[in-house]
Amino acid sequence: MSLITDKVFFNALMSNQSLVLKVGSRIENTSIPVPDDQFDNEPVPYIIITFDGLMNDENTKDSSFEGDNDKVQISIEVTANDREELGDLTTEIRRTIISYFESDDHEKDDYDLIPEDYDFSASNVVYDPTKPCFTQTLTYRCDTKP
């Protein structure tokens, strides 16, 4: 299940209708599906969830090839019109993920995808004058089972 951990983050964000409305339903998994030359013209705000790789931890006595724990990195790029909107969106995203992962009342059957634990970090806030927009990336380094 580790190879599709990004799916549970997508489900979590899509479960928050307030968040979905704030970004005009522009929550994407992996990329916004437009040609590169049109990407700069995408309306702001939007959220892009990416699977940034996986590292299997140590071998076990049961398998000489793979261990029982994977470290998966998920990034959530948040792009907004201004700094205040960016702060509101990133705060709501963080709260939504915590709430979704702690809840037993999921609309989707994705319990197996929820990480056992994660470390959270956030990048610096960047202003892109060419778009113009503000961007920040939230990063979740997750402990999961293969």
Protein backbone atom coordinates (compact mmCIF):
# COMPACT_ATOMS: atom_id res chain seq x y z
CA MET A 1 0.00 0.00 0.00
CA SER A 2 2.98 2.32 0.45
CA LEU A 3 3.22 3.01 -3.27
CA ILE A 4 -0.18 4.72 -3.26
CA THR A 5 0.05 6.64 0.03
CA ASP A 6 -0.61 9.88 -1.88
CA LYS A 7 -4.14 8.62 -2.54
CA VAL A 8 -5.13 8.88 1.14
CA PHE A 9 -3.83 12.47 1.29
CA PHE A 10 -5.94 13.28 -1.78
CA ASN A 11 -8.98 11.61 -0.18
CA ALA A 12 -8.39 13.57 3.02
CA LEU A 13 -8.32 16.92 1.26
CA MET A 14 -11.31 16.08 -0.92
CA SER A 15 -13.30 15.18 2.22
CA ASN A 16 -13.22 18.82 3.33
CA GLN A 17 -15.89 20.56 1.24
CA SER A 18 -14.93 23.99 2.58
CA LEU A 19 -11.36 23.50 1.35
CA VAL A 20 -12.54 22.14 -2.01
CA LEU A 21 -14.71 25.25 -2.51
CA LYS A 22 -11.89 27.62 -1.50
CA VAL A 23 -9.68 26.27 -4.28
CA GLY A 24 -12.47 25.87 -6.82
CA SER A 25 -12.08 22.06 -6.82
CA ARG A 26 -8.47 22.45 -8.04
CA ILE A 27 -6.94 19.72 -5.90
CA GLU A 28 -4.79 17.53 -8.12
CA ASN A 29 -2.76 14.39 -7.56
CA THR A 30 0.70 14.49 -9.20
CA SER A 31 0.17 17.49 -11.49
CA ILE A 32 -2.36 19.79 -13.06
CA PRO A 33 -3.17 17.97 -16.30
CA VAL A 34 -2.31 20.72 -18.77
CA PRO A 35 0.61 21.18 -21.18
CA ASP A 36 3.67 22.87 -19.63
CA ASP A 37 3.20 26.04 -21.66
CA GLN A 38 -0.30 26.47 -20.18
CA PHE A 39 0.64 25.76 -16.56
CA ASP A 40 1.48 29.41 -15.79
CA ASN A 41 -2.04 30.37 -16.84
CA GLU A 42 -3.75 28.06 -14.36
CA PRO A 43 -6.05 29.96 -12.00
CA VAL A 44 -4.91 30.39 -8.41
CA PRO A 45 -5.47 28.98 -5.77
CA TYR A 46 -4.72 25.30 -6.29
CA ILE A 47 -3.22 22.32 -4.47
CA ILE A 48 -1.00 19.60 -5.95
CA ILE A 49 -0.25 16.40 -4.02
CA THR A 50 2.85 14.47 -5.10
CA PHE A 51 4.39 11.13 -4.25
CA ASP A 52 8.06 12.04 -3.79
CA GLY A 53 9.55 8.61 -3.32
CA LEU A 54 9.84 5.70 -0.95
CA MET A 55 12.65 4.11 1.00
CA ASN A 56 12.30 0.66 2.52
CA ASP A 57 13.79 0.34 6.01
CA GLU A 58 16.06 -2.51 7.07
CA ASN A 59 15.73 -6.15 6.21
CA THR A 60 14.00 -8.62 8.50
CA LYS A 61 14.63 -12.23 9.32
CA ASP A 62 11.55 -13.13 7.24
CA SER A 63 12.88 -11.53 4.06
CA SER A 64 16.42 -10.88 2.93
CA PHE A 65 15.19 -8.36 0.35
CA GLU A 66 12.82 -5.93 2.08
CA GLY A 67 11.99 -4.79 5.59
CA ASP A 68 8.60 -4.38 7.23
CA ASN A 69 8.57 -0.59 7.13
CA ASP A 70 8.57 1.96 4.31
CA LYS A 71 9.36 5.67 4.54
CA VAL A 72 7.20 7.51 2.02
CA GLN A 73 7.48 11.20 1.29
CA ILE A 74 4.35 13.08 0.25
CA SER A 75 4.42 16.76 -0.71
CA ILE A 76 1.50 19.12 -0.93
CA GLU A 77 2.21 22.25 -2.98
CA VAL A 78 -0.19 25.05 -2.12
CA THR A 79 -0.47 28.08 -4.39
CA ALA A 80 -2.53 31.15 -3.46
CA ASN A 81 -3.20 34.72 -4.53
CA ASP A 82 -1.70 36.34 -1.45
CA ARG A 83 0.12 35.50 1.77
CA GLU A 84 -3.00 35.56 3.92
CA GLU A 85 -4.86 33.15 1.64
CA LEU A 86 -1.81 30.87 1.57
CA GLY A 87 -1.66 30.80 5.37
CA ASP A 88 -5.37 30.02 5.62
CA LEU A 89 -5.14 27.18 3.08
CA THR A 90 -2.03 25.56 4.56
CA THR A 91 -3.48 25.69 8.06
CA GLU A 92 -6.74 24.15 6.87
CA ILE A 93 -4.88 21.44 4.95
CA ARG A 94 -2.84 20.50 8.00
CA ARG A 95 -5.92 20.32 10.23
CA THR A 96 -7.87 18.37 7.60
CA ILE A 97 -5.19 15.69 7.30
CA ILE A 98 -4.93 15.25 11.07
CA SER A 99 -8.71 15.05 11.40
CA TYR A 100 -9.09 12.60 8.51
CA PHE A 101 -6.34 10.29 9.77
CA GLU A 102 -7.71 10.27 13.34
CA SER A 103 -11.32 9.72 12.27
CA ASP A 104 -12.98 6.33 12.16
CA ASP A 105 -15.73 7.72 9.95
CA HIS A 106 -14.25 7.62 6.44
CA GLU A 107 -16.36 7.93 3.33
CA LYS A 108 -13.82 5.85 1.46
CA ASP A 109 -12.38 2.50 2.44
CA ASP A 110 -8.80 3.69 2.69
CA TYR A 111 -7.84 2.77 6.25
CA ASP A 112 -4.93 0.63 5.01
CA LEU A 113 -3.40 3.66 3.29
CA ILE A 114 -3.25 5.84 6.40
CA PRO A 115 0.36 6.11 7.61
CA GLU A 116 1.23 4.64 10.98
CA ASP A 117 3.04 7.89 11.77
CA TYR A 118 4.55 10.86 9.97
CA ASP A 119 6.98 13.75 10.39
CA PHE A 120 5.69 17.08 9.14
CA SER A 121 7.65 19.98 7.70
CA ALA A 122 6.96 23.03 5.56
CA SER A 123 9.12 24.86 3.03
CA ASN A 124 9.73 28.56 2.97
CA VAL A 125 7.06 30.77 1.42
CA VAL A 126 7.92 31.80 -2.13
CA TYR A 127 6.50 34.62 -4.20
CA ASP A 128 6.40 34.08 -7.97
CA PRO A 129 6.03 37.47 -9.69
CA THR A 130 5.53 35.88 -13.13
CA LYS A 131 2.21 34.27 -12.18
CA PRO A 132 1.84 36.18 -9.65
CA CYS A 133 1.25 33.94 -6.64
CA PHE A 134 2.53 32.76 -3.28
CA THR A 135 3.55 29.10 -2.82
CA GLN A 136 4.49 26.82 0.06
CA THR A 137 5.08 23.07 0.13
CA LEU A 138 3.96 20.92 3.05
CA THR A 139 5.95 17.69 3.39
CA TYR A 140 4.89 14.50 5.15
CA ARG A 141 7.52 11.80 5.71
CA CYS A 142 5.34 8.79 6.48
CA ASP A 143 5.96 5.47 8.16
CA THR A 144 3.91 2.86 6.31
CA LYS A 145 3.70 -0.87 5.79
CA PRO A 146 4.53 -2.23 2.33
